[in-house]
Protein backbone atom coordinates (compact mmCIF):
# COMPACT_ATOMS: atom_id res chain seq x y z
CA MET A 1 51.17 131.34 37.28
CA MET A 2 53.55 132.81 38.12
CA ARG A 3 54.04 131.65 41.27
CA GLN A 4 53.81 128.39 39.96
CA ALA A 5 56.21 128.20 37.55
CA PHE A 6 58.64 130.32 40.45
CA ILE A 7 58.24 126.91 42.70
CA VAL A 8 58.76 124.63 40.17
CA LEU A 9 61.68 125.93 38.76
CA LEU A 10 62.99 126.73 42.35
CA THR A 11 62.29 123.20 43.68
CA LEU A 12 64.32 121.51 40.24
CA VAL A 13 67.42 123.94 40.92
CA MET A 14 67.54 122.82 44.65
CA THR A 15 67.02 119.15 43.60
CA GLY A 16 70.08 119.50 41.00
CA CYS A 17 72.30 121.30 43.78
CA ALA A 18 71.13 118.39 46.01
CA GLY A 19 72.72 115.87 43.68
CA GLN A 20 76.21 117.53 43.38
CA ASP A 21 78.90 115.46 45.09
CA GLY A 22 80.28 118.38 47.41
CA ASP A 23 83.50 116.78 48.07
CA PRO A 24 86.14 116.77 45.06
CA SER A 25 88.48 114.30 46.79
CA ARG A 26 86.11 111.13 46.39
CA HIS A 27 86.38 111.79 42.43
CA ARG A 28 88.77 109.29 41.21
CA THR A 29 92.35 110.47 40.32
CA PRO A 30 94.69 109.62 37.60
CA LEU A 31 96.54 107.57 40.38
CA GLU A 32 93.54 105.43 40.90
CA ASN A 33 92.98 104.91 37.56
CA LEU A 34 96.25 103.78 37.24
CA GLY A 35 95.63 101.43 40.01
CA GLN A 36 92.31 99.85 38.46
CA ALA A 37 94.51 99.69 35.66
CA ALA A 38 97.34 97.54 36.56
CA ALA A 39 94.42 95.45 38.73
CA THR A 40 92.48 94.64 35.28
CA GLU A 41 96.07 93.54 33.54
CA VAL A 42 96.52 91.21 36.58
CA LEU A 43 92.56 89.61 36.16
CA ARG A 44 93.38 89.46 32.43
CA GLU A 45 96.60 87.57 31.81
CA PRO A 46 96.80 85.29 35.08
CA PRO A 47 99.60 82.87 35.11
CA TRP A 48 97.97 79.81 36.72
CA GLN A 49 96.05 78.06 34.73
CA ASP A 50 93.34 76.85 37.00
CA ASP A 51 90.58 78.47 39.76
CA PRO A 52 91.29 82.05 39.83
CA GLN A 53 89.36 81.27 43.07
CA GLY A 54 91.38 78.72 44.85
CA ARG A 55 94.38 81.08 44.47
CA VAL A 56 95.95 83.61 47.36
CA LEU A 57 97.36 86.52 46.02
CA LEU A 58 99.32 88.79 48.09
CA VAL A 59 98.96 92.32 47.32
CA THR A 60 102.45 94.37 48.86
CA PRO A 61 102.27 98.73 49.22
CA VAL A 62 103.37 100.31 45.44
CA GLN A 63 106.81 101.61 45.21
CA ALA A 64 106.07 105.16 44.31
CA ASP A 65 109.03 107.64 43.82
CA ALA A 66 108.82 110.76 46.36
CA ASP A 67 107.58 112.91 43.03
CA PHE A 68 103.88 112.07 43.19
CA GLY A 69 103.18 113.27 46.20
CA GLU A 70 102.91 112.16 49.78
CA GLN A 71 98.94 109.95 48.95
CA ALA A 72 100.37 108.55 45.77
CA ASP A 73 100.82 105.37 46.85
CA ALA A 74 97.55 105.00 49.51
CA ARG A 75 95.46 106.35 46.17
CA PHE A 76 97.30 103.78 43.89
CA ASN A 77 97.06 101.35 46.49
CA ASP A 78 93.67 101.45 47.48
CA ALA A 79 92.43 101.05 43.92
CA LEU A 80 94.39 98.46 43.02
CA THR A 81 93.59 96.23 45.87
CA ARG A 82 89.83 97.43 45.39
CA ARG A 83 89.75 96.18 42.01
CA LEU A 84 91.22 92.92 43.14
CA LEU A 85 88.59 92.32 45.50
CA SER A 86 85.58 92.97 43.70
CA ALA A 87 86.64 90.59 40.63
CA ARG A 88 83.92 88.20 40.44
CA HIS A 89 85.64 85.07 39.99
CA GLY A 90 89.02 86.39 40.91
CA PRO A 91 91.57 84.87 43.50
CA GLN A 92 91.87 85.85 47.23
CA VAL A 93 93.39 88.98 48.33
CA LEU A 94 95.43 89.86 51.05
CA SER A 95 96.91 93.50 51.65
CA VAL A 96 100.29 92.77 53.23
CA THR A 97 103.38 95.17 54.26
CA GLU A 98 105.83 92.92 53.09
CA ALA A 99 105.73 89.47 51.34
CA PRO A 100 109.59 87.72 50.90
CA ALA A 101 109.70 84.07 49.33
CA ARG A 102 109.57 81.45 51.90
CA SER A 103 109.96 78.05 50.89
CA ASP A 104 106.99 76.86 53.07
CA ALA A 105 104.51 78.79 51.15
CA PRO A 106 101.58 76.80 49.78
CA ALA A 107 101.45 76.64 46.23
CA ASN A 108 98.60 78.39 45.65
CA GLN A 109 100.46 81.63 46.78
CA TRP A 110 101.47 84.53 44.51
CA ARG A 111 102.62 87.91 45.26
CA LEU A 112 101.94 91.04 43.45
CA SER A 113 104.42 94.17 44.04
CA SER A 114 104.22 97.28 41.74
CA HIS A 115 107.33 99.71 41.35
CA LEU A 116 105.59 103.47 40.19
CA LYS A 117 108.50 105.29 38.84
CA ALA A 118 108.96 109.26 37.75
CA PRO A 119 111.71 107.78 34.47
CA VAL A 120 111.88 112.11 33.83
CA GLY A 121 110.99 115.11 35.06
CA ALA A 122 107.89 116.72 34.56
CA ILE A 123 107.29 118.19 31.03
CA THR A 124 106.40 121.74 30.77
CA LEU A 125 103.75 122.53 27.81
CA SER A 126 101.74 125.15 26.26
CA ASP A 127 99.21 124.92 29.18
CA ARG A 128 100.20 122.63 31.64
CA ARG A 129 102.81 120.13 32.71
CA LEU A 130 102.62 116.54 32.37
CA TYR A 131 104.68 113.86 34.82
CA PRO A 132 105.68 110.86 32.73
CA TYR A 133 105.49 107.42 34.96
CA ALA A 134 106.22 103.88 34.21
CA LEU A 135 104.70 101.10 35.92
CA THR A 136 106.36 97.91 36.65
CA VAL A 137 103.53 95.43 38.08
CA THR A 138 105.14 91.92 39.31
CA LEU A 139 104.02 88.24 40.01
CA GLN A 140 106.21 86.22 41.82
CA ARG A 141 105.08 82.30 43.04
CA GLY A 142 105.17 82.69 46.76
CA ASP A 143 107.69 80.05 47.50
CA SER A 144 110.36 81.77 44.42
CA ASP A 145 111.89 84.90 43.69
CA ASP A 146 111.61 84.30 39.86
CA ILE A 147 109.05 86.17 38.34
CA TRP A 148 106.40 84.66 36.57
CA TRP A 149 104.35 87.32 34.81
CA GLN A 150 105.57 91.37 34.89
CA LYS A 151 104.05 94.08 32.87
CA GLU A 152 105.34 97.38 31.99
CA ILE A 153 102.58 100.33 31.84
CA ASP A 154 103.86 103.50 30.89
CA GLY A 155 102.25 107.08 30.58
CA ALA A 156 101.99 110.88 31.84
CA PHE A 157 99.53 112.43 35.09
CA ASP A 158 98.99 115.94 34.23
CA GLU A 159 99.76 117.51 37.35
CA LEU A 160 96.10 118.54 37.91
CA GLY A 161 94.68 115.29 38.58
CA LEU A 162 98.04 114.29 41.36
CA PRO A 163 98.90 115.07 45.28
CA LEU A 164 102.38 116.08 44.03
CA SER A 165 104.94 116.93 46.26
CA LYS A 166 106.46 120.22 47.22
CA ALA A 167 109.79 119.27 45.25
CA ALA A 168 108.23 118.12 42.01
CA VAL A 169 106.00 121.07 42.12
CA THR A 170 109.26 123.66 43.07
CA PRO A 171 111.15 124.72 39.95
CA ALA A 172 115.23 124.01 40.47
CA PRO A 173 117.28 126.76 41.06
């Protein structure tokens, strides 16, 4: 009886361990959550009135301050693009390195740009450090530099969730 109980217990423990994800990099970071939130805002309030599936959205890489770390832009861009692509009735999404206004751009083409700034230095609390951010997401027509829609999102990242640069973590002399 004791042997059977031990085998059942061992099986349960082994099953539980097998279900654990050993790769912590696969968990979403605050930057990825911010990218998804930005995409949700774009999809919630698009400036176009007709069928969004007929729209082409050119997504340029985020311009992120170096304070947020080397991988900050890649993590944000990946989450933003994935969320836009996963929209059931969303626009067509193209990831591009740059998207200047062109007079010959099709009428259904829009440009999405993002700027992630660190407006102030780290805020030190009793148990951790916070890094305030200001994200600006902008939509423009393909043929114009006029801003058709813009959203600003402010908040703060906890240092444990960020791949911060060495400059950001090194205290000032």
